[in-house]
Amino acid sequence: MDINLKPTDSELEILQVLWANPASTVRAVHEALGKKDAGYTTTLKLMQIMHEKGLVTRDTSSKTHLYYAHIDQEKTQQLFLKKMINDVFNGSTTRLVLQALGDRKASVEEIELIKKHLDNLK
């Protein structure tokens, strides 16, 4: 992902909705966000800006426009994770993992998945 396409926090919230529900209308996104302090027109304007930035695509072939995330969820997660590892953990992936596992109890399933991933890295 182009570093210039780095979404803001508000844009990330909208992208989360679009990744989970592709082909969404502005109204559907607004309702999914459930923000009482932000009006529909705020969501509309933000999605228009996201379209201009290339973060979302818009299908205008019908009366109701449908929006799709234009950037990949996994690539976006990787970009933010790399930035966090560098900025917060001084480049240490180990410190990130230990902090993440120390802060909350991982389920048995999560621990097994982590073990499998670590085995694959060997």
PDB file of N, CA and C in Angstrom:
ATOM      1  N   MET A   1       0.851  -1.181   0.000  1.00  0.00           N
ATOM      2  CA  MET A   1       0.000   0.000   0.000  1.00  0.00           C
ATOM      3  C   MET A   1       0.886   1.231   0.000  1.00  0.00           C
ATOM      4  N   ASP A   2       0.505   2.181  -0.781  1.00  0.00           N
ATOM      5  CA  ASP A   2       1.209   3.459  -0.854  1.00  0.00           C
ATOM      6  C   ASP A   2       1.089   4.157   0.498  1.00  0.00           C
ATOM      7  N   ILE A   3       2.198   4.617   1.032  1.00  0.00           N
ATOM      8  CA  ILE A   3       2.207   5.288   2.332  1.00  0.00           C
ATOM      9  C   ILE A   3       1.297   6.513   2.330  1.00  0.00           C
ATOM     10  N   ASN A   4       1.076   7.119   1.161  1.00  0.00           N
ATOM     11  CA  ASN A   4       0.184   8.274   1.062  1.00  0.00           C
ATOM     12  C   ASN A   4      -1.274   7.886   1.260  1.00  0.00           C
ATOM     13  N   LEU A   5      -1.587   6.594   1.153  1.00  0.00           N
ATOM     14  CA  LEU A   5      -2.956   6.138   1.345  1.00  0.00           C
ATOM     15  C   LEU A   5      -3.233   5.731   2.788  1.00  0.00           C
ATOM     16  N   LYS A   6      -2.358   6.102   3.698  1.00  0.00           N
ATOM     17  CA  LYS A   6      -2.550   5.726   5.094  1.00  0.00           C
ATOM     18  C   LYS A   6      -3.822   6.374   5.635  1.00  0.00           C
ATOM     19  N   PRO A   7      -4.802   5.550   6.005  1.00  0.00           N
ATOM     20  CA  PRO A   7      -6.073   6.099   6.480  1.00  0.00           C
ATOM     21  C   PRO A   7      -5.988   6.679   7.889  1.00  0.00           C
ATOM     22  N   THR A   8      -6.845   7.664   8.139  1.00  0.00           N
ATOM     23  CA  THR A   8      -6.984   8.241   9.476  1.00  0.00           C
ATOM     24  C   THR A   8      -7.781   7.263  10.339  1.00  0.00           C
ATOM     25  N   ASP A   9      -7.910   7.562  11.625  1.00  0.00           N
ATOM     26  CA  ASP A   9      -8.684   6.702  12.522  1.00  0.00           C
ATOM     27  C   ASP A   9     -10.139   6.581  12.069  1.00  0.00           C
ATOM     28  N   SER A  10     -10.745   7.702  11.695  1.00  0.00           N
ATOM     29  CA  SER A  10     -12.139   7.676  11.236  1.00  0.00           C
ATOM     30  C   SER A  10     -12.277   6.881   9.946  1.00  0.00           C
ATOM     31  N   GLU A  11     -11.313   7.045   9.052  1.00  0.00           N
ATOM     32  CA  GLU A  11     -11.340   6.300   7.793  1.00  0.00           C
ATOM     33  C   GLU A  11     -11.156   4.808   8.045  1.00  0.00           C
ATOM     34  N   LEU A  12     -10.334   4.463   9.019  1.00  0.00           N
ATOM     35  CA  LEU A  12     -10.151   3.051   9.370  1.00  0.00           C
ATOM     36  C   LEU A  12     -11.449   2.427   9.862  1.00  0.00           C
ATOM     37  N   GLU A  13     -12.216   3.179  10.637  1.00  0.00           N
ATOM     38  CA  GLU A  13     -13.506   2.672  11.112  1.00  0.00           C
ATOM     39  C   GLU A  13     -14.416   2.346   9.931  1.00  0.00           C
ATOM     40  N   ILE A  14     -14.445   3.221   8.956  1.00  0.00           N
ATOM     41  CA  ILE A  14     -15.270   2.994   7.766  1.00  0.00           C
ATOM     42  C   ILE A  14     -14.735   1.808   6.976  1.00  0.00           C
ATOM     43  N   LEU A  15     -13.423   1.718   6.833  1.00  0.00           N
ATOM     44  CA  LEU A  15     -12.831   0.586   6.116  1.00  0.00           C
ATOM     45  C   LEU A  15     -13.164  -0.735   6.802  1.00  0.00           C
ATOM     46  N   GLN A  16     -13.176  -0.747   8.132  1.00  0.00           N
ATOM     47  CA  GLN A  16     -13.543  -1.973   8.854  1.00  0.00           C
ATOM     48  C   GLN A  16     -14.945  -2.430   8.452  1.00  0.00           C
ATOM     49  N   VAL A  17     -15.855  -1.482   8.341  1.00  0.00           N
ATOM     50  CA  VAL A  17     -17.224  -1.811   7.927  1.00  0.00           C
ATOM     51  C   VAL A  17     -17.225  -2.339   6.498  1.00  0.00           C
ATOM     52  N   LEU A  18     -16.489  -1.674   5.610  1.00  0.00           N
ATOM     53  CA  LEU A  18     -16.473  -2.080   4.200  1.00  0.00           C
ATOM     54  C   LEU A  18     -15.755  -3.411   3.991  1.00  0.00           C
ATOM     55  N   TRP A  19     -14.734  -3.701   4.781  1.00  0.00           N
ATOM     56  CA  TRP A  19     -14.073  -5.004   4.669  1.00  0.00           C
ATOM     57  C   TRP A  19     -15.022  -6.116   5.096  1.00  0.00           C
ATOM     58  N   ALA A  20     -15.828  -5.850   6.116  1.00  0.00           N
ATOM     59  CA  ALA A  20     -16.778  -6.857   6.601  1.00  0.00           C
ATOM     60  C   ALA A  20     -18.018  -6.945   5.719  1.00  0.00           C
ATOM     61  N   ASN A  21     -18.396  -5.824   5.104  1.00  0.00           N
ATOM     62  CA  ASN A  21     -19.621  -5.754   4.301  1.00  0.00           C
ATOM     63  C   ASN A  21     -19.356  -5.011   3.000  1.00  0.00           C
ATOM     64  N   PRO A  22     -18.720  -5.674   2.035  1.00  0.00           N
ATOM     65  CA  PRO A  22     -18.464  -4.992   0.759  1.00  0.00           C
ATOM     66  C   PRO A  22     -19.780  -4.578   0.100  1.00  0.00           C
ATOM     67  N   ALA A  23     -19.705  -3.653  -0.781  1.00  0.00           N
ATOM     68  CA  ALA A  23     -20.881  -3.146  -1.500  1.00  0.00           C
ATOM     69  C   ALA A  23     -21.887  -2.537  -0.533  1.00  0.00           C
ATOM     70  N   SER A  24     -21.426  -1.590   0.272  1.00  0.00           N
ATOM     71  CA  SER A  24     -22.286  -0.936   1.253  1.00  0.00           C
ATOM     72  C   SER A  24     -22.637   0.477   0.815  1.00  0.00           C
ATOM     73  N   THR A  25     -23.827   0.895   1.183  1.00  0.00           N
ATOM     74  CA  THR A  25     -24.244   2.273   0.955  1.00  0.00           C
ATOM     75  C   THR A  25     -23.712   3.137   2.097  1.00  0.00           C
ATOM     76  N   VAL A  26     -23.746   4.432   1.900  1.00  0.00           N
ATOM     77  CA  VAL A  26     -23.335   5.348   2.965  1.00  0.00           C
ATOM     78  C   VAL A  26     -24.223   5.134   4.186  1.00  0.00           C
ATOM     79  N   ARG A  27     -25.522   4.977   3.961  1.00  0.00           N
ATOM     80  CA  ARG A  27     -26.454   4.772   5.077  1.00  0.00           C
ATOM     81  C   ARG A  27     -26.097   3.515   5.862  1.00  0.00           C
ATOM     82  N   ALA A  28     -25.788   2.422   5.152  1.00  0.00           N
ATOM     83  CA  ALA A  28     -25.432   1.170   5.825  1.00  0.00           C
ATOM     84  C   ALA A  28     -24.157   1.337   6.652  1.00  0.00           C
ATOM     85  N   VAL A  29     -23.186   2.039   6.099  1.00  0.00           N
ATOM     86  CA  VAL A  29     -21.939   2.288   6.832  1.00  0.00           C
ATOM     87  C   VAL A  29     -22.229   3.155   8.054  1.00  0.00           C
ATOM     88  N   HIS A  30     -23.004   4.213   7.859  1.00  0.00           N
ATOM     89  CA  HIS A  30     -23.338   5.119   8.956  1.00  0.00           C
ATOM     90  C   HIS A  30     -24.041   4.362  10.093  1.00  0.00           C
ATOM     91  N   GLU A  31     -24.987   3.509   9.740  1.00  0.00           N
ATOM     92  CA  GLU A  31     -25.712   2.739  10.756  1.00  0.00           C
ATOM     93  C   GLU A  31     -24.796   1.728  11.441  1.00  0.00           C
ATOM     94  N   ALA A  32     -23.899   1.120  10.680  1.00  0.00           N
ATOM     95  CA  ALA A  32     -22.970   0.149  11.268  1.00  0.00           C
ATOM     96  C   ALA A  32     -22.021   0.824  12.258  1.00  0.00           C
ATOM     97  N   LEU A  33     -21.645   2.058  11.966  1.00  0.00           N
ATOM     98  CA  LEU A  33     -20.768   2.793  12.876  1.00  0.00           C
ATOM     99  C   LEU A  33     -21.494   3.144  14.169  1.00  0.00           C
ATOM    100  N   GLY A  34     -22.785   3.430  14.060  1.00  0.00           N
ATOM    101  CA  GLY A  34     -23.597   3.703  15.235  1.00  0.00           C
ATOM    102  C   GLY A  34     -23.166   4.911  16.044  1.00  0.00           C
ATOM    103  N   LYS A  35     -22.555   5.883  15.411  1.00  0.00           N
ATOM    104  CA  LYS A  35     -22.107   7.081  16.129  1.00  0.00           C
ATOM    105  C   LYS A  35     -23.252   8.074  16.234  1.00  0.00           C
ATOM    106  N   LYS A  36     -23.652   8.339  17.440  1.00  0.00           N
ATOM    107  CA  LYS A  36     -24.745   9.278  17.652  1.00  0.00           C
ATOM    108  C   LYS A  36     -24.268  10.728  17.522  1.00  0.00           C
ATOM    109  N   ASP A  37     -22.965  10.944  17.720  1.00  0.00           N
ATOM    110  CA  ASP A  37     -22.445  12.310  17.662  1.00  0.00           C
ATOM    111  C   ASP A  37     -22.085  12.752  16.247  1.00  0.00           C
ATOM    112  N   ALA A  38     -22.118  11.829  15.286  1.00  0.00           N
ATOM    113  CA  ALA A  38     -21.800  12.176  13.895  1.00  0.00           C
ATOM    114  C   ALA A  38     -23.032  11.935  13.028  1.00  0.00           C
ATOM    115  N   GLY A  39     -23.384  12.919  12.235  1.00  0.00           N
ATOM    116  CA  GLY A  39     -24.549  12.797  11.376  1.00  0.00           C
ATOM    117  C   GLY A  39     -24.251  12.044  10.092  1.00  0.00           C
ATOM    118  N   TYR A  40     -25.307  11.700   9.396  1.00  0.00           N
ATOM    119  CA  TYR A  40     -25.201  10.995   8.117  1.00  0.00           C
ATOM    120  C   TYR A  40     -24.338  11.778   7.136  1.00  0.00           C
ATOM    121  N   THR A  41     -24.520  13.088   7.094  1.00  0.00           N
ATOM    122  CA  THR A  41     -23.765  13.894   6.126  1.00  0.00           C
ATOM    123  C   THR A  41     -22.263  13.889   6.431  1.00  0.00           C
ATOM    124  N   THR A  42     -21.912  13.731   7.704  1.00  0.00           N
ATOM    125  CA  THR A  42     -20.498  13.619   8.071  1.00  0.00           C
ATOM    126  C   THR A  42     -19.911  12.334   7.497  1.00  0.00           C
ATOM    127  N   THR A  43     -20.654  11.235   7.636  1.00  0.00           N
ATOM    128  CA  THR A  43     -20.210   9.956   7.074  1.00  0.00           C
ATOM    129  C   THR A  43     -20.112  10.060   5.559  1.00  0.00           C
ATOM    130  N   LEU A  44     -21.100  10.675   4.930  1.00  0.00           N
ATOM    131  CA  LEU A  44     -21.099  10.856   3.477  1.00  0.00           C
ATOM    132  C   LEU A  44     -19.870  11.643   3.032  1.00  0.00           C
ATOM    133  N   LYS A  45     -19.604  12.759   3.683  1.00  0.00           N
ATOM    134  CA  LYS A  45     -18.464  13.599   3.304  1.00  0.00           C
ATOM    135  C   LYS A  45     -17.144  12.847   3.475  1.00  0.00           C
ATOM    136  N   LEU A  46     -17.022  12.129   4.575  1.00  0.00           N
ATOM    137  CA  LEU A  46     -15.799  11.371   4.823  1.00  0.00           C
ATOM    138  C   LEU A  46     -15.593  10.299   3.754  1.00  0.00           C
ATOM    139  N   MET A  47     -16.669   9.636   3.352  1.00  0.00           N
ATOM    140  CA  MET A  47     -16.559   8.604   2.320  1.00  0.00           C
ATOM    141  C   MET A  47     -16.249   9.218   0.956  1.00  0.00           C
ATOM    142  N   GLN A  48     -16.752  10.423   0.703  1.00  0.00           N
ATOM    143  CA  GLN A  48     -16.405  11.121  -0.540  1.00  0.00           C
ATOM    144  C   GLN A  48     -14.916  11.471  -0.559  1.00  0.00           C
ATOM    145  N   ILE A  49     -14.409  11.921   0.561  1.00  0.00           N
ATOM    146  CA  ILE A  49     -12.978  12.229   0.673  1.00  0.00           C
ATOM    147  C   ILE A  49     -12.154  10.956   0.493  1.00  0.00           C
ATOM    148  N   MET A  50     -12.610   9.862   1.098  1.00  0.00           N
ATOM    149  CA  MET A  50     -11.907   8.582   0.958  1.00  0.00           C
ATOM    150  C   MET A  50     -11.872   8.136  -0.500  1.00  0.00           C
ATOM    151  N   HIS A  51     -12.952   8.411  -1.226  1.00  0.00           N
ATOM    152  CA  HIS A  51     -12.995   8.075  -2.652  1.00  0.00           C
ATOM    153  C   HIS A  51     -11.971   8.913  -3.414  1.00  0.00           C
ATOM    154  N   GLU A  52     -11.900  10.190  -3.102  1.00  0.00           N
ATOM    155  CA  GLU A  52     -10.930  11.076  -3.751  1.00  0.00           C
ATOM    156  C   GLU A  52      -9.493  10.648  -3.452  1.00  0.00           C
ATOM    157  N   LYS A  53      -9.258  10.141  -2.242  1.00  0.00           N
ATOM    158  CA  LYS A  53      -7.917   9.701  -1.840  1.00  0.00           C
ATOM    159  C   LYS A  53      -7.563   8.321  -2.407  1.00  0.00           C
ATOM    160  N   GLY A  54      -8.564   7.607  -2.916  1.00  0.00           N
ATOM    161  CA  GLY A  54      -8.306   6.272  -3.448  1.00  0.00           C
ATOM    162  C   GLY A  54      -8.417   5.162  -2.419  1.00  0.00           C
ATOM    163  N   LEU A  55      -8.997   5.461  -1.262  1.00  0.00           N
ATOM    164  CA  LEU A  55      -9.168   4.445  -0.229  1.00  0.00           C
ATOM    165  C   LEU A  55     -10.369   3.553  -0.496  1.00  0.00           C
ATOM    166  N   VAL A  56     -11.382   4.104  -1.161  1.00  0.00           N
ATOM    167  CA  VAL A  56     -12.578   3.335  -1.509  1.00  0.00           C
ATOM    168  C   VAL A  56     -12.917   3.572  -2.975  1.00  0.00           C
ATOM    169  N   THR A  57     -13.649   2.626  -3.539  1.00  0.00           N
ATOM    170  CA  THR A  57     -14.195   2.806  -4.881  1.00  0.00           C
ATOM    171  C   THR A  57     -15.704   2.924  -4.746  1.00  0.00           C
ATOM    172  N   ARG A  58     -16.311   3.522  -5.753  1.00  0.00           N
ATOM    173  CA  ARG A  58     -17.750   3.790  -5.695  1.00  0.00           C
ATOM    174  C   ARG A  58     -18.393   3.321  -6.992  1.00  0.00           C
ATOM    175  N   ASP A  59     -19.455   2.534  -6.857  1.00  0.00           N
ATOM    176  CA  ASP A  59     -20.238   2.079  -8.006  1.00  0.00           C
ATOM    177  C   ASP A  59     -21.439   3.011  -8.129  1.00  0.00           C
ATOM    178  N   THR A  60     -21.460   3.789  -9.202  1.00  0.00           N
ATOM    179  CA  THR A  60     -22.528   4.776  -9.397  1.00  0.00           C
ATOM    180  C   THR A  60     -23.518   4.338 -10.469  1.00  0.00           C
ATOM    181  N   SER A  61     -23.541   3.044 -10.774  1.00  0.00           N
ATOM    182  CA  SER A  61     -24.396   2.565 -11.861  1.00  0.00           C
ATOM    183  C   SER A  61     -25.878   2.543 -11.495  1.00  0.00           C
ATOM    184  N   SER A  62     -26.202   2.651 -10.221  1.00  0.00           N
ATOM    185  CA  SER A  62     -27.607   2.718  -9.819  1.00  0.00           C
ATOM    186  C   SER A  62     -27.827   3.987  -8.997  1.00  0.00           C
ATOM    187  N   LYS A  63     -29.080   4.237  -8.658  1.00  0.00           N
ATOM    188  CA  LYS A  63     -29.416   5.442  -7.902  1.00  0.00           C
ATOM    189  C   LYS A  63     -28.677   5.479  -6.559  1.00  0.00           C
ATOM    190  N   THR A  64     -28.632   4.335  -5.907  1.00  0.00           N
ATOM    191  CA  THR A  64     -27.926   4.231  -4.638  1.00  0.00           C
ATOM    192  C   THR A  64     -26.491   3.811  -4.907  1.00  0.00           C
ATOM    193  N   HIS A  65     -25.552   4.649  -4.539  1.00  0.00           N
ATOM    194  CA  HIS A  65     -24.140   4.352  -4.773  1.00  0.00           C
ATOM    195  C   HIS A  65     -23.650   3.311  -3.772  1.00  0.00           C
ATOM    196  N   LEU A  66     -22.845   2.387  -4.268  1.00  0.00           N
ATOM    197  CA  LEU A  66     -22.262   1.355  -3.418  1.00  0.00           C
ATOM    198  C   LEU A  66     -20.768   1.611  -3.284  1.00  0.00           C
ATOM    199  N   TYR A  67     -20.274   1.435  -2.081  1.00  0.00           N
ATOM    200  CA  TYR A  67     -18.859   1.675  -1.798  1.00  0.00           C
ATOM    201  C   TYR A  67     -18.155   0.364  -1.462  1.00  0.00           C
ATOM    202  N   TYR A  68     -16.899   0.288  -1.878  1.00  0.00           N
ATOM    203  CA  TYR A  68     -16.045  -0.874  -1.633  1.00  0.00           C
ATOM    204  C   TYR A  68     -14.698  -0.376  -1.123  1.00  0.00           C
ATOM    205  N   ALA A  69     -14.087  -1.131  -0.228  1.00  0.00           N
ATOM    206  CA  ALA A  69     -12.724  -0.799   0.191  1.00  0.00           C
ATOM    207  C   ALA A  69     -11.805  -1.020  -0.999  1.00  0.00           C
ATOM    208  N   HIS A  70     -10.976  -0.049  -1.292  1.00  0.00           N
ATOM    209  CA  HIS A  70     -10.044  -0.162  -2.414  1.00  0.00           C
ATOM    210  C   HIS A  70      -8.676  -0.638  -1.944  1.00  0.00           C
ATOM    211  N   ILE A  71      -8.424  -0.539  -0.653  1.00  0.00           N
ATOM    212  CA  ILE A  71      -7.147  -0.998  -0.117  1.00  0.00           C
ATOM    213  C   ILE A  71      -7.368  -2.299   0.641  1.00  0.00           C
ATOM    214  N   ASP A  72      -6.381  -3.163   0.579  1.00  0.00           N
ATOM    215  CA  ASP A  72      -6.451  -4.490   1.161  1.00  0.00           C
ATOM    216  C   ASP A  72      -6.340  -4.430   2.687  1.00  0.00           C
ATOM    217  N   GLN A  73      -7.183  -5.197   3.364  1.00  0.00           N
ATOM    218  CA  GLN A  73      -7.187  -5.188   4.822  1.00  0.00           C
ATOM    219  C   GLN A  73      -5.857  -5.683   5.392  1.00  0.00           C
ATOM    220  N   GLU A  74      -5.344  -6.772   4.868  1.00  0.00           N
ATOM    221  CA  GLU A  74      -4.104  -7.332   5.404  1.00  0.00           C
ATOM    222  C   GLU A  74      -2.919  -6.385   5.190  1.00  0.00           C
ATOM    223  N   LYS A  75      -2.845  -5.772   4.028  1.00  0.00           N
ATOM    224  CA  LYS A  75      -1.748  -4.829   3.768  1.00  0.00           C
ATOM    225  C   LYS A  75      -1.851  -3.609   4.679  1.00  0.00           C
ATOM    226  N   THR A  76      -3.062  -3.169   4.935  1.00  0.00           N
ATOM    227  CA  THR A  76      -3.269  -2.033   5.833  1.00  0.00           C
ATOM    228  C   THR A  76      -2.841  -2.397   7.248  1.00  0.00           C
ATOM    229  N   GLN A  77      -3.227  -3.595   7.692  1.00  0.00           N
ATOM    230  CA  GLN A  77      -2.825  -4.048   9.023  1.00  0.00           C
ATOM    231  C   GLN A  77      -1.306  -4.128   9.129  1.00  0.00           C
ATOM    232  N   GLN A  78      -0.660  -4.644   8.097  1.00  0.00           N
ATOM    233  CA  GLN A  78       0.802  -4.747   8.099  1.00  0.00           C
ATOM    234  C   GLN A  78       1.453  -3.371   8.190  1.00  0.00           C
ATOM    235  N   LEU A  79       0.927  -2.409   7.443  1.00  0.00           N
ATOM    236  CA  LEU A  79       1.474  -1.055   7.473  1.00  0.00           C
ATOM    237  C   LEU A  79       1.402  -0.466   8.879  1.00  0.00           C
ATOM    238  N   PHE A  80       0.233  -0.574   9.512  1.00  0.00           N
ATOM    239  CA  PHE A  80       0.059  -0.017  10.848  1.00  0.00           C
ATOM    240  C   PHE A  80       0.884  -0.776  11.878  1.00  0.00           C
ATOM    241  N   LEU A  81       0.979  -2.097  11.718  1.00  0.00           N
ATOM    242  CA  LEU A  81       1.753  -2.897  12.657  1.00  0.00           C
ATOM    243  C   LEU A  81       3.239  -2.564  12.563  1.00  0.00           C
ATOM    244  N   LYS A  82       3.754  -2.435  11.344  1.00  0.00           N
ATOM    245  CA  LYS A  82       5.166  -2.065  11.172  1.00  0.00           C
ATOM    246  C   LYS A  82       5.449  -0.713  11.812  1.00  0.00           C
ATOM    247  N   LYS A  83       4.535   0.226  11.603  1.00  0.00           N
ATOM    248  CA  LYS A  83       4.715   1.558  12.189  1.00  0.00           C
ATOM    249  C   LYS A  83       4.704   1.476  13.714  1.00  0.00           C
ATOM    250  N   MET A  84       3.775   0.696  14.269  1.00  0.00           N
ATOM    251  CA  MET A  84       3.689   0.567  15.720  1.00  0.00           C
ATOM    252  C   MET A  84       4.935  -0.125  16.279  1.00  0.00           C
ATOM    253  N   ILE A  85       5.406  -1.182  15.615  1.00  0.00           N
ATOM    254  CA  ILE A  85       6.612  -1.875  16.082  1.00  0.00           C
ATOM    255  C   ILE A  85       7.786  -0.903  16.113  1.00  0.00           C
ATOM    256  N   ASN A  86       7.927  -0.111  15.062  1.00  0.00           N
ATOM    257  CA  ASN A  86       9.038   0.848  15.003  1.00  0.00           C
ATOM    258  C   ASN A  86       8.883   1.986  16.003  1.00  0.00           C
ATOM    259  N   ASP A  87       7.677   2.557  16.084  1.00  0.00           N
ATOM    260  CA  ASP A  87       7.462   3.742  16.912  1.00  0.00           C
ATOM    261  C   ASP A  87       7.337   3.435  18.402  1.00  0.00           C
ATOM    262  N   VAL A  88       6.669   2.335  18.735  1.00  0.00           N
ATOM    263  CA  VAL A  88       6.355   2.046  20.132  1.00  0.00           C
ATOM    264  C   VAL A  88       7.309   1.025  20.745  1.00  0.00           C
ATOM    265  N   PHE A  89       7.740   0.047  19.954  1.00  0.00           N
ATOM    266  CA  PHE A  89       8.555  -1.047  20.483  1.00  0.00           C
ATOM    267  C   PHE A  89       9.993  -1.008  19.976  1.00  0.00           C
ATOM    268  N   ASN A  90      10.417   0.148  19.483  1.00  0.00           N
ATOM    269  CA  ASN A  90      11.792   0.353  19.036  1.00  0.00           C
ATOM    270  C   ASN A  90      12.263  -0.732  18.063  1.00  0.00           C
ATOM    271  N   GLY A  91      11.342  -1.173  17.207  1.00  0.00           N
ATOM    272  CA  GLY A  91      11.679  -2.157  16.185  1.00  0.00           C
ATOM    273  C   GLY A  91      11.665  -3.602  16.646  1.00  0.00           C
ATOM    274  N   SER A  92      11.280  -3.864  17.890  1.00  0.00           N
ATOM    275  CA  SER A  92      11.324  -5.220  18.441  1.00  0.00           C
ATOM    276  C   SER A  92       9.974  -5.924  18.337  1.00  0.00           C
ATOM    277  N   THR A  93       9.906  -6.911  17.455  1.00  0.00           N
ATOM    278  CA  THR A  93       8.696  -7.723  17.328  1.00  0.00           C
ATOM    279  C   THR A  93       8.474  -8.535  18.600  1.00  0.00           C
ATOM    280  N   THR A  94       9.557  -8.995  19.197  1.00  0.00           N
ATOM    281  CA  THR A  94       9.466  -9.785  20.429  1.00  0.00           C
ATOM    282  C   THR A  94       8.779  -8.990  21.531  1.00  0.00           C
ATOM    283  N   ARG A  95       9.179  -7.734  21.701  1.00  0.00           N
ATOM    284  CA  ARG A  95       8.562  -6.902  22.739  1.00  0.00           C
ATOM    285  C   ARG A  95       7.072  -6.704  22.473  1.00  0.00           C
ATOM    286  N   LEU A  96       6.708  -6.550  21.202  1.00  0.00           N
ATOM    287  CA  LEU A  96       5.294  -6.407  20.843  1.00  0.00           C
ATOM    288  C   LEU A  96       4.514  -7.652  21.239  1.00  0.00           C
ATOM    289  N   VAL A  97       5.016  -8.824  20.870  1.00  0.00           N
ATOM    290  CA  VAL A  97       4.315 -10.083  21.153  1.00  0.00           C
ATOM    291  C   VAL A  97       4.207 -10.308  22.656  1.00  0.00           C
ATOM    292  N   LEU A  98       5.304 -10.097  23.376  1.00  0.00           N
ATOM    293  CA  LEU A  98       5.269 -10.292  24.825  1.00  0.00           C
ATOM    294  C   LEU A  98       4.299  -9.329  25.494  1.00  0.00           C
ATOM    295  N   GLN A  99       4.259  -8.091  25.023  1.00  0.00           N
ATOM    296  CA  GLN A  99       3.319  -7.113  25.571  1.00  0.00           C
ATOM    297  C   GLN A  99       1.883  -7.534  25.284  1.00  0.00           C
ATOM    298  N   ALA A 100       1.632  -7.966  24.055  1.00  0.00           N
ATOM    299  CA  ALA A 100       0.278  -8.373  23.665  1.00  0.00           C
ATOM    300  C   ALA A 100      -0.189  -9.574  24.480  1.00  0.00           C
ATOM    301  N   LEU A 101       0.682 -10.547  24.668  1.00  0.00           N
ATOM    302  CA  LEU A 101       0.302 -11.736  25.427  1.00  0.00           C
ATOM    303  C   LEU A 101       0.240 -11.463  26.920  1.00  0.00           C
ATOM    304  N   GLY A 102       0.985 -10.493  27.402  1.00  0.00           N
ATOM    305  CA  GLY A 102       0.978 -10.175  28.820  1.00  0.00           C
ATOM    306  C   GLY A 102      -0.209  -9.340  29.244  1.00  0.00           C
ATOM    307  N   ASP A 103      -0.780  -8.607  28.320  1.00  0.00           N
ATOM    308  CA  ASP A 103      -1.885  -7.699  28.646  1.00  0.00           C
ATOM    309  C   ASP A 103      -3.236  -8.383  28.777  1.00  0.00           C
ATOM    310  N   ARG A 104      -3.425  -9.456  28.049  1.00  0.00           N
ATOM    311  CA  ARG A 104      -4.727 -10.121  28.136  1.00  0.00           C
ATOM    312  C   ARG A 104      -4.532 -11.610  27.973  1.00  0.00           C
ATOM    313  N   LYS A 105      -5.449 -12.361  28.507  1.00  0.00           N
ATOM    314  CA  LYS A 105      -5.358 -13.819  28.452  1.00  0.00           C
ATOM    315  C   LYS A 105      -5.749 -14.294  27.067  1.00  0.00           C
ATOM    316  N   ALA A 106      -4.832 -15.021  26.439  1.00  0.00           N
ATOM    317  CA  ALA A 106      -5.112 -15.610  25.128  1.00  0.00           C
ATOM    318  C   ALA A 106      -5.880 -16.910  25.341  1.00  0.00           C
ATOM    319  N   SER A 107      -6.810 -17.189  24.434  1.00  0.00           N
ATOM    320  CA  SER A 107      -7.567 -18.440  24.519  1.00  0.00           C
ATOM    321  C   SER A 107      -6.666 -19.606  24.129  1.00  0.00           C
ATOM    322  N   VAL A 108      -7.089 -20.809  24.468  1.00  0.00           N
ATOM    323  CA  VAL A 108      -6.336 -22.010  24.104  1.00  0.00           C
ATOM    324  C   VAL A 108      -6.176 -22.083  22.590  1.00  0.00           C
ATOM    325  N   GLU A 109      -7.236 -21.745  21.867  1.00  0.00           N
ATOM    326  CA  GLU A 109      -7.191 -21.775  20.403  1.00  0.00           C
ATOM    327  C   GLU A 109      -6.176 -20.771  19.858  1.00  0.00           C
ATOM    328  N   GLU A 110      -6.151 -19.584  20.455  1.00  0.00           N
ATOM    329  CA  GLU A 110      -5.196 -18.569  20.013  1.00  0.00           C
ATOM    330  C   GLU A 110      -3.756 -19.014  20.273  1.00  0.00           C
ATOM    331  N   ILE A 111      -3.526 -19.613  21.432  1.00  0.00           N
ATOM    332  CA  ILE A 111      -2.179 -20.085  21.767  1.00  0.00           C
ATOM    333  C   ILE A 111      -1.738 -21.180  20.801  1.00  0.00           C
ATOM    334  N   GLU A 112      -2.647 -22.093  20.473  1.00  0.00           N
ATOM    335  CA  GLU A 112      -2.315 -23.158  19.515  1.00  0.00           C
ATOM    336  C   GLU A 112      -1.993 -22.578  18.142  1.00  0.00           C
ATOM    337  N   LEU A 113      -2.748 -21.588  17.729  1.00  0.00           N
ATOM    338  CA  LEU A 113      -2.495 -20.937  16.443  1.00  0.00           C
ATOM    339  C   LEU A 113      -1.128 -20.243  16.442  1.00  0.00           C
ATOM    340  N   ILE A 114      -0.798 -19.597  17.539  1.00  0.00           N
ATOM    341  CA  ILE A 114       0.509 -18.939  17.667  1.00  0.00           C
ATOM    342  C   ILE A 114       1.627 -19.977  17.610  1.00  0.00           C
ATOM    343  N   LYS A 115       1.446 -21.100  18.324  1.00  0.00           N
ATOM    344  CA  LYS A 115       2.456 -22.167  18.306  1.00  0.00           C
ATOM    345  C   LYS A 115       2.669 -22.699  16.893  1.00  0.00           C
ATOM    346  N   LYS A 116       1.578 -22.928  16.174  1.00  0.00           N
ATOM    347  CA  LYS A 116       1.690 -23.425  14.796  1.00  0.00           C
ATOM    348  C   LYS A 116       2.448 -22.427  13.927  1.00  0.00           C
ATOM    349  N   HIS A 117       2.128 -21.164  14.096  1.00  0.00           N
ATOM    350  CA  HIS A 117       2.802 -20.136  13.303  1.00  0.00           C
ATOM    351  C   HIS A 117       4.297 -20.089  13.627  1.00  0.00           C
ATOM    352  N   LEU A 118       4.635 -20.189  14.906  1.00  0.00           N
ATOM    353  CA  LEU A 118       6.045 -20.183  15.305  1.00  0.00           C
ATOM    354  C   LEU A 118       6.776 -21.408  14.763  1.00  0.00           C
ATOM    355  N   ASP A 119       6.108 -22.559  14.781  1.00  0.00           N
ATOM    356  CA  ASP A 119       6.715 -23.777  14.223  1.00  0.00           C
ATOM    357  C   ASP A 119       6.997 -23.615  12.737  1.00  0.00           C
ATOM    358  N   ASN A 120       6.098 -22.952  12.029  1.00  0.00           N
ATOM    359  CA  ASN A 120       6.287 -22.731  10.591  1.00  0.00           C
ATOM    360  C   ASN A 120       7.445 -21.777  10.304  1.00  0.00           C
ATOM    361  N   LEU A 121       7.759 -20.915  11.258  1.00  0.00           N
ATOM    362  CA  LEU A 121       8.853 -19.964  11.076  1.00  0.00           C
ATOM    363  C   LEU A 121      10.225 -20.595  11.289  1.00  0.00           C
ATOM    364  N   LYS A 122      10.256 -21.753  11.957  1.00  0.00           N
ATOM    365  CA  LYS A 122      11.543 -22.424  12.254  1.00  0.00           C
ATOM    366  C   LYS A 122      12.196 -22.949  11.008  1.00  0.00           C
TER     367      LYS A 122
END
